[in-house]
């Protein structure tokens, strides 16, 4: 899901010294952008496959913690902060209420997808933007470029605060109970803290901010704490989770959970896809201009034959999907680049089969169709079923409960 290189010779991140806990508890690491992140936590005798399937299954059934401190974090402050965000994101932020969170999609000038993330409105003139781990520096450079060259008159200040915040995601059906216990009985009910909202509480007398949001499709939260207190809060959450059978999980299990849910990530944001290709075109505002708004309407980017996001299911457990495999209609000659490709793959413990995300011409109209998945390098050709990319809990009942 993530990649083959473990990169164990690279120095790990030190955000909040949570990394020390990961090392002490047997994590295997993988390079992610400029960082080292826990890939999986193998029990004795476990392979990578054994470990991530166990971790992903456990999160779906109970609760797990993952260190997401390496996600890019940028403070956007000033009286023109909302105007600035409206110009750099395809969707709008002036209407976002204080104490709420919104998913945002950022385009390049050429109209193609650049990055995605969440934006939390902390106060009237203060937002916290999150970015993907690998794109954090590129996004900040992108923002600074347009602020300094296109809109120098806007009263807004941009600050990278990635190192200032340790962030811990708590996911699974028992995540609310765990957090309420850790926070001394604070009310984290759906009424008090609905999905995509923020609350400030204390854990072990340490001030934290909890963002209720989910990348896994489960009831989930992100706990933000000053980086110097990251280790203390991580340990407190693990201790509070003893009653709920908590485990730590790594990026491989996280990838499995997000593929099951149909969330896009780096393999889909590959510099060639549009917001419409990834099924998010309805998010783009028609009432304002933003970076990429003019060129996203180019004829080639609006071609109805473009490859768009779909789910892919293997029909045979012996045939394992691989990223980069080409997709062809059943019965056609296998030649050229086909009608699309597979972008992300995993063994899904929730569905008990190999699944993947891919981009396929005419995708949404082809759900249920049997097509061919081809690996020309290894002379593989086997049938797969096209599905919705939202394999697991498509109505969002689990994460919104």
Protein backbone atom coordinates (compact mmCIF):
# COMPACT_ATOMS: atom_id res chain seq x y z
CA UNK A 1 0.00 0.00 0.00
CA UNK A 2 2.75 2.43 0.95
CA UNK A 3 5.88 1.14 -0.74
CA UNK A 4 8.68 -1.39 -0.45
CA UNK A 5 11.40 0.71 1.18
CA UNK A 6 11.64 0.48 4.94
CA UNK A 7 14.41 3.07 5.12
CA UNK A 8 15.53 2.01 8.59
CA UNK A 9 18.84 3.83 8.23
CA UNK A 10 17.10 7.23 8.22
CA UNK A 11 16.80 9.15 11.48
CA UNK A 12 13.23 9.02 12.87
CA UNK A 13 11.04 11.99 13.66
CA UNK A 14 11.29 13.35 17.20
CA UNK A 15 7.93 15.10 17.43
CA UNK A 16 6.89 14.89 21.07
CA UNK A 17 9.29 11.93 21.55
CA UNK A 18 6.39 9.59 20.71
CA UNK A 19 8.93 7.97 18.40
CA UNK A 20 10.75 6.62 21.46
CA UNK A 21 7.60 4.72 22.42
CA UNK A 22 7.29 3.29 18.90
CA UNK A 23 10.89 2.06 18.99
CA UNK A 24 10.53 0.58 22.45
CA UNK A 25 7.37 -1.26 21.40
CA UNK A 26 8.81 -2.93 18.33
CA UNK A 27 7.53 -0.79 15.47
CA UNK A 28 8.98 -1.36 12.03
CA UNK A 29 9.45 1.95 10.21
CA UNK A 30 8.96 3.27 6.69
CA UNK A 31 10.02 6.52 5.04
CA UNK A 32 7.18 8.99 4.49
CA UNK A 33 8.31 12.25 2.96
CA UNK A 34 11.04 13.62 5.21
CA UNK A 35 9.96 11.43 8.12
CA UNK A 36 10.10 7.92 9.46
CA UNK A 37 6.68 6.57 10.48
CA UNK A 38 5.62 3.33 12.16
CA UNK A 39 4.76 0.95 9.33
CA UNK A 40 3.43 -1.87 11.49
CA UNK A 41 3.93 -3.37 14.97
CA UNK A 42 4.73 -7.06 14.41
CA UNK A 43 4.01 -9.64 17.07
CA UNK A 44 6.43 -12.53 17.31
CA UNK A 45 6.57 -14.42 14.05
CA UNK A 46 4.32 -12.03 12.13
CA UNK A 47 5.00 -10.88 8.60
CA UNK A 48 3.98 -7.45 7.32
CA UNK A 49 0.81 -9.00 5.88
CA UNK A 50 -0.08 -10.73 9.13
CA UNK A 51 0.48 -7.56 11.16
CA UNK A 52 -1.43 -5.03 9.05
CA UNK A 53 -4.43 -7.34 8.61
CA UNK A 54 -4.55 -7.90 12.38
CA UNK A 55 -4.21 -4.17 13.07
CA UNK A 56 -6.86 -3.09 10.55
CA UNK A 57 -9.29 -5.76 11.78
CA UNK A 58 -8.75 -4.68 15.37
CA UNK A 59 -9.46 -1.02 14.61
CA UNK A 60 -12.75 -1.97 12.91
CA UNK A 61 -13.76 -4.04 15.96
CA UNK A 62 -12.30 -2.17 18.93
CA UNK A 63 -9.97 0.87 18.92
CA UNK A 64 -6.47 1.80 17.79
CA UNK A 65 -4.01 4.69 18.00
CA UNK A 66 -1.83 5.96 15.18
CA UNK A 67 0.76 8.72 15.34
CA UNK A 68 -0.11 11.29 12.63
CA UNK A 69 2.18 14.04 13.90
CA UNK A 70 3.98 14.16 10.55
CA UNK A 71 0.96 15.51 8.67
CA UNK A 72 1.74 19.03 7.51
CA UNK A 73 0.21 21.73 9.70
CA UNK A 74 0.06 25.39 8.63
CA UNK A 75 -1.41 28.21 10.72
CA UNK A 76 -3.37 30.68 8.58
CA UNK A 77 -3.96 33.89 10.54
CA UNK A 78 -5.16 37.41 9.91
CA UNK A 79 -8.26 39.41 8.94
CA UNK A 80 -8.05 38.17 5.33
CA UNK A 81 -7.44 34.51 6.24
CA UNK A 82 -10.83 33.32 4.97
CA UNK A 83 -10.45 35.28 1.71
CA UNK A 84 -7.03 33.71 1.18
CA UNK A 85 -8.36 30.19 1.80
CA UNK A 86 -11.23 30.79 -0.62
CA UNK A 87 -8.69 31.59 -3.32
CA UNK A 88 -6.38 28.61 -2.77
CA UNK A 89 -9.07 25.95 -2.28
CA UNK A 90 -11.71 24.87 -4.79
CA UNK A 91 -14.37 24.87 -2.08
CA UNK A 92 -15.28 27.74 0.24
CA UNK A 93 -14.23 28.61 3.79
CA UNK A 94 -15.78 31.98 4.63
CA UNK A 95 -18.92 30.17 5.79
CA UNK A 96 -17.03 27.70 8.00
CA UNK A 97 -18.05 28.35 11.61
CA UNK A 98 -15.58 28.72 14.47
CA UNK A 99 -15.08 25.33 16.07
CA UNK A 100 -15.78 23.38 12.90
CA UNK A 101 -13.65 21.52 10.33
CA UNK A 102 -13.98 21.22 6.56
CA UNK A 103 -12.27 18.98 4.03
CA UNK A 104 -10.52 21.03 1.34
CA UNK A 105 -9.21 20.33 -2.17
CA UNK A 106 -6.36 22.39 -3.61
CA UNK A 107 -5.66 22.58 -7.35
CA UNK A 108 -2.60 23.60 -9.30
CA UNK A 109 -2.77 26.51 -11.74
CA UNK A 110 -3.27 24.03 -14.60
CA UNK A 111 -6.50 22.77 -12.99
CA UNK A 112 -5.13 19.40 -11.84
CA UNK A 113 -5.27 18.18 -8.25
CA UNK A 114 -2.44 19.32 -5.98
CA UNK A 115 -3.26 18.36 -2.39
CA UNK A 116 -6.11 17.69 -0.01
CA UNK A 117 -6.51 18.07 3.72
CA UNK A 118 -8.66 19.56 6.44
CA UNK A 119 -9.04 23.11 7.69
CA UNK A 120 -10.16 23.83 11.23
CA UNK A 121 -11.45 27.29 12.13
CA UNK A 122 -10.00 27.97 15.56
CA UNK A 123 -11.17 31.62 15.83
CA UNK A 124 -12.62 34.30 13.55
CA UNK A 125 -9.23 35.07 11.98
CA UNK A 126 -7.37 31.86 12.74
CA UNK A 127 -7.36 28.55 10.86
CA UNK A 128 -5.25 25.41 11.08
CA UNK A 129 -4.62 23.72 7.72
CA UNK A 130 -3.48 20.12 7.47
CA UNK A 131 -1.69 18.72 4.43
CA UNK A 132 -0.40 15.34 3.36
CA UNK A 133 2.92 14.41 4.97
CA UNK A 134 4.94 14.38 1.75
CA UNK A 135 3.45 17.62 0.39
CA UNK A 136 3.78 19.81 3.50
CA UNK A 137 6.73 21.87 2.25
CA UNK A 138 5.37 22.08 -1.30
CA UNK A 139 2.00 23.35 -0.07
CA UNK A 140 3.59 26.01 2.13
CA UNK A 141 5.77 27.13 -0.80
CA UNK A 142 2.66 27.24 -3.02
CA UNK A 143 0.79 29.40 -0.49
CA UNK A 144 3.71 31.75 0.07
CA UNK A 145 4.24 32.19 -3.67
CA UNK A 146 0.69 33.34 -4.30
CA UNK A 147 0.57 35.48 -1.18
CA UNK A 148 3.75 37.32 -2.15
CA UNK A 149 3.20 37.62 -5.90
CA UNK A 150 -0.54 37.60 -6.63
CA UNK A 151 -2.15 38.92 -3.44
CA UNK A 152 0.46 40.81 -1.37
CA UNK A 153 -2.30 43.16 -0.19
CA UNK A 154 -4.09 40.42 1.74
CA UNK A 155 -3.58 40.69 5.49
CA UNK A 156 -2.74 37.08 6.22
CA UNK A 157 0.20 35.33 7.85
CA UNK A 158 1.31 31.76 7.08
CA UNK A 159 3.33 29.72 9.57
CA UNK A 160 4.45 26.10 9.44
CA UNK A 161 3.56 24.56 12.80
CA UNK A 162 4.11 20.90 11.95
CA UNK A 163 6.80 20.54 14.62
CA UNK A 164 4.78 22.44 17.22
CA UNK A 165 1.90 19.94 17.38
CA UNK A 166 1.96 16.24 18.13
CA UNK A 167 -1.19 14.62 16.72
CA UNK A 168 -2.67 11.26 17.64
CA UNK A 169 -5.56 9.67 15.76
CA UNK A 170 -7.90 7.49 17.82
CA UNK A 171 -10.15 5.30 15.66
CA UNK A 172 -12.65 2.50 16.16
CA UNK A 173 -16.06 1.80 17.73
CA UNK A 174 -14.65 2.26 21.24
CA UNK A 175 -12.71 5.46 20.53
CA UNK A 176 -15.28 7.76 22.16
CA UNK A 177 -15.30 5.75 25.38
CA UNK A 178 -11.51 5.71 25.50
CA UNK A 179 -11.23 9.46 25.00
CA UNK A 180 -13.97 10.28 27.50
CA UNK A 181 -12.14 8.25 30.15
CA UNK A 182 -8.77 9.82 29.28
CA UNK A 183 -10.32 13.31 29.41
CA UNK A 184 -11.81 12.82 32.87
CA UNK A 185 -15.36 12.15 31.72
CA UNK A 186 -15.62 15.06 29.27
CA UNK A 187 -18.78 15.00 27.18
CA UNK A 188 -17.78 13.81 23.71
CA UNK A 189 -21.25 12.73 22.67
CA UNK A 190 -22.40 13.20 19.08
CA UNK A 191 -24.53 16.11 20.29
CA UNK A 192 -21.65 17.87 22.02
CA UNK A 193 -18.99 16.91 19.47
CA UNK A 194 -20.50 16.05 16.07
CA UNK A 195 -18.41 14.91 13.14
CA UNK A 196 -16.05 17.64 11.82
CA UNK A 197 -16.11 19.65 15.04
CA UNK A 198 -13.55 20.67 17.70
CA UNK A 199 -13.48 20.62 21.49
CA UNK A 200 -10.81 21.61 24.03
CA UNK A 201 -10.30 19.34 27.04
CA UNK A 202 -7.50 18.13 29.30
CA UNK A 203 -5.79 14.74 29.42
CA UNK A 204 -3.67 14.18 32.53
CA UNK A 205 -4.07 17.95 33.17
CA UNK A 206 -2.48 18.67 29.78
CA UNK A 207 -4.57 20.94 27.49
CA UNK A 208 -5.45 19.23 24.23
CA UNK A 209 -7.72 19.99 21.30
CA UNK A 210 -9.76 17.13 19.89
CA UNK A 211 -10.81 17.24 16.23
CA UNK A 212 -13.57 14.75 15.45
CA UNK A 213 -12.80 13.50 11.95
CA UNK A 214 -12.18 10.18 10.24
CA UNK A 215 -9.83 8.87 7.56
CA UNK A 216 -10.65 5.23 8.34
CA UNK A 217 -14.44 5.31 8.06
CA UNK A 218 -14.73 4.52 11.77
CA UNK A 219 -15.77 6.74 14.64
CA UNK A 220 -12.49 8.62 14.98
CA UNK A 221 -10.75 11.64 16.47
CA UNK A 222 -7.45 13.49 16.20
CA UNK A 223 -5.90 14.69 19.45
CA UNK A 224 -3.70 17.80 19.07
CA UNK A 225 -1.25 18.60 21.86
CA UNK A 226 1.86 20.75 22.13
CA UNK A 227 4.71 18.61 20.80
CA UNK A 228 6.56 18.60 24.11
CA UNK A 229 3.64 16.75 25.68
CA UNK A 230 3.11 14.27 22.85
CA UNK A 231 4.69 11.29 24.57
CA UNK A 232 2.80 11.91 27.82
CA UNK A 233 -0.56 12.07 26.07
CA UNK A 234 0.17 9.02 23.91
CA UNK A 235 1.01 6.99 27.03
CA UNK A 236 -2.09 8.30 28.82
CA UNK A 237 -4.29 7.25 25.89
CA UNK A 238 -2.72 3.79 25.77
CA UNK A 239 -3.29 3.39 29.50
CA UNK A 240 -6.90 4.58 29.29
CA UNK A 241 -7.37 2.15 26.43
CA UNK A 242 -6.51 -0.90 28.52
CA UNK A 243 -10.22 -1.29 29.29
CA UNK A 244 -11.07 -1.18 25.58
CA UNK A 245 -8.33 -3.45 24.16
CA UNK A 246 -6.49 -0.60 22.43
CA UNK A 247 -3.55 -1.29 20.10
CA UNK A 248 -1.20 0.95 18.10
CA UNK A 249 -1.43 0.60 14.33
CA UNK A 250 0.83 1.69 11.52
CA UNK A 251 0.63 3.24 8.08
CA UNK A 252 0.02 -0.07 6.29
CA UNK A 253 -3.16 -0.74 8.27
CA UNK A 254 -4.13 2.92 7.82
CA UNK A 255 -3.80 2.43 4.07
CA UNK A 256 -6.04 -0.62 4.18
CA UNK A 257 -8.71 1.24 6.14
CA UNK A 258 -8.69 4.21 3.76
CA UNK A 259 -8.89 2.00 0.65
CA UNK A 260 -11.86 0.11 2.13
CA UNK A 261 -13.53 3.47 2.71
CA UNK A 262 -12.62 4.83 -0.72
CA UNK A 263 -10.51 7.77 0.45
CA UNK A 264 -7.96 8.99 -2.09
CA UNK A 265 -4.32 9.51 -1.19
CA UNK A 266 -0.95 9.99 -2.91
CA UNK A 267 -1.38 7.20 -5.51
CA UNK A 268 -4.56 8.91 -6.75
CA UNK A 269 -3.15 12.44 -6.35
CA UNK A 270 -0.42 11.66 -8.86
CA UNK A 271 -0.36 14.98 -10.70
CA UNK A 272 -2.54 13.71 -13.57
CA UNK A 273 -5.99 13.63 -11.97
CA UNK A 274 -8.66 16.30 -11.71
CA UNK A 275 -11.16 16.93 -8.95
CA UNK A 276 -13.82 15.42 -11.24
CA UNK A 277 -11.72 12.33 -11.95
CA UNK A 278 -11.72 11.60 -8.23
CA UNK A 279 -15.46 12.10 -7.79
CA UNK A 280 -15.24 15.37 -5.90
CA UNK A 281 -16.28 17.82 -8.60
CA UNK A 282 -19.40 18.84 -6.69
CA UNK A 283 -17.15 20.34 -4.01
CA UNK A 284 -15.78 22.93 -6.42
CA UNK A 285 -17.47 26.29 -6.00
CA UNK A 286 -19.24 27.87 -8.97
CA UNK A 287 -19.54 31.23 -7.20
CA UNK A 288 -15.90 32.19 -6.81
CA UNK A 289 -12.56 32.09 -8.59
CA UNK A 290 -9.71 30.04 -7.13
CA UNK A 291 -6.34 28.73 -8.24
CA UNK A 292 -7.00 26.36 -11.14
CA UNK A 293 -10.65 27.34 -11.61
CA UNK A 294 -10.16 28.63 -15.17
CA UNK A 295 -7.95 25.86 -16.53
CA UNK A 296 -9.88 22.99 -14.93
CA UNK A 297 -12.49 23.69 -17.61
CA UNK A 298 -10.13 22.85 -20.49
CA UNK A 299 -11.62 20.51 -23.07
CA UNK A 300 -9.23 17.65 -22.37
CA UNK A 301 -9.93 17.80 -18.62
CA UNK A 302 -13.69 17.68 -19.24
CA UNK A 303 -13.56 14.82 -21.74
CA UNK A 304 -16.32 12.32 -20.77
CA UNK A 305 -13.93 9.50 -21.71
CA UNK A 306 -11.39 10.42 -19.02
CA UNK A 307 -10.54 7.74 -16.51
CA UNK A 308 -12.31 8.31 -13.20
CA UNK A 309 -12.17 6.73 -9.74
CA UNK A 310 -13.64 3.26 -9.25
CA UNK A 311 -13.27 0.31 -6.93
CA UNK A 312 -11.72 -2.93 -8.18
CA UNK A 313 -12.43 -6.39 -6.70
CA UNK A 314 -10.44 -9.49 -7.53
CA UNK A 315 -12.66 -12.48 -8.36
CA UNK A 316 -10.03 -15.02 -7.31
CA UNK A 317 -7.93 -14.93 -4.14
CA UNK A 318 -5.03 -16.36 -6.11
CA UNK A 319 -4.88 -13.27 -8.31
CA UNK A 320 -3.41 -10.42 -6.32
CA UNK A 321 -3.90 -6.87 -7.54
CA UNK A 322 -0.83 -4.70 -7.91
CA UNK A 323 -0.54 -0.92 -8.34
CA UNK A 324 0.04 0.08 -11.95
CA UNK A 325 -1.83 -2.85 -13.51
CA UNK A 326 -3.71 -1.84 -16.66
CA UNK A 327 -7.46 -2.20 -17.13
CA UNK A 328 -9.07 -3.44 -20.37
CA UNK A 329 -12.64 -4.25 -21.36
CA UNK A 330 -13.30 -7.96 -21.41
CA UNK A 331 -12.68 -9.53 -24.82
CA UNK A 332 -10.67 -6.69 -26.37
CA UNK A 333 -7.11 -7.05 -27.65
CA UNK A 334 -4.54 -6.39 -24.93
CA UNK A 335 -2.57 -3.56 -26.50
CA UNK A 336 -1.45 -0.08 -25.49
CA UNK A 337 -2.33 1.60 -22.21
CA UNK A 338 -5.82 0.20 -21.83
CA UNK A 339 -8.76 2.14 -20.38
CA UNK A 340 -7.23 2.89 -17.01
CA UNK A 341 -5.03 1.54 -14.25
CA UNK A 342 -5.01 0.30 -10.67
CA UNK A 343 -3.68 2.92 -8.22
CA UNK A 344 -3.93 1.46 -4.68
CA UNK A 345 -4.36 -2.14 -3.51
CA UNK A 346 -4.78 -4.14 -0.31
CA UNK A 347 -6.14 -7.34 1.12
CA UNK A 348 -9.35 -6.22 2.81
CA UNK A 349 -10.08 -7.98 6.11
CA UNK A 350 -13.51 -6.33 6.16
CA UNK A 351 -14.47 -7.77 2.76
CA UNK A 352 -12.21 -10.85 2.88
CA UNK A 353 -10.82 -10.29 -0.62
CA UNK A 354 -8.24 -8.37 -2.60
CA UNK A 355 -9.53 -4.90 -3.47
CA UNK A 356 -8.12 -1.74 -4.96
CA UNK A 357 -8.84 1.74 -6.21
CA UNK A 358 -8.27 2.60 -9.83
CA UNK A 359 -9.07 5.02 -12.61
CA UNK A 360 -11.20 3.71 -15.47
CA UNK A 361 -12.82 5.35 -18.50
CA UNK A 362 -16.56 5.69 -17.91
CA UNK A 363 -16.05 4.41 -14.39
CA UNK A 364 -19.32 5.25 -12.58
CA UNK A 365 -21.40 3.77 -15.41
CA UNK A 366 -19.51 0.49 -15.28
CA UNK A 367 -20.09 -0.63 -11.69
CA UNK A 368 -20.69 -4.38 -11.72
CA UNK A 369 -18.89 -4.93 -15.04
CA UNK A 370 -16.26 -7.66 -15.31
CA UNK A 371 -13.08 -6.38 -16.97
CA UNK A 372 -9.49 -7.58 -17.39
CA UNK A 373 -6.63 -6.57 -15.13
CA UNK A 374 -3.29 -6.90 -16.92
CA UNK A 375 0.33 -6.92 -15.81
CA UNK A 376 2.37 -6.94 -19.01
CA UNK A 377 5.70 -7.21 -17.19
CA UNK A 378 4.76 -10.49 -15.52
CA UNK A 379 2.38 -11.79 -18.18
CA UNK A 380 -0.64 -11.69 -15.86
CA UNK A 381 -4.22 -11.31 -17.08
CA UNK A 382 -7.21 -12.02 -14.88
CA UNK A 383 -10.81 -10.83 -14.44
CA UNK A 384 -11.88 -8.23 -11.86
CA UNK A 385 -15.17 -6.57 -11.01
CA UNK A 386 -15.68 -2.81 -11.19
CA UNK A 387 -17.43 -1.43 -8.09
CA UNK A 388 -18.04 1.79 -6.24
CA UNK A 389 -14.80 2.95 -4.59
CA UNK A 390 -16.71 3.12 -1.29
CA UNK A 391 -16.44 -0.53 -0.29
CA UNK A 392 -17.08 -0.19 3.43
CA UNK A 393 -20.00 1.57 5.14
CA UNK A 394 -20.81 3.74 2.11
CA UNK A 395 -23.49 5.70 4.01
CA UNK A 396 -21.02 6.75 6.73
CA UNK A 397 -23.12 5.45 9.63
CA UNK A 398 -20.11 4.30 11.63
CA UNK A 399 -18.11 7.52 11.45
CA UNK A 400 -21.13 9.77 12.01
CA UNK A 401 -22.65 7.91 14.94
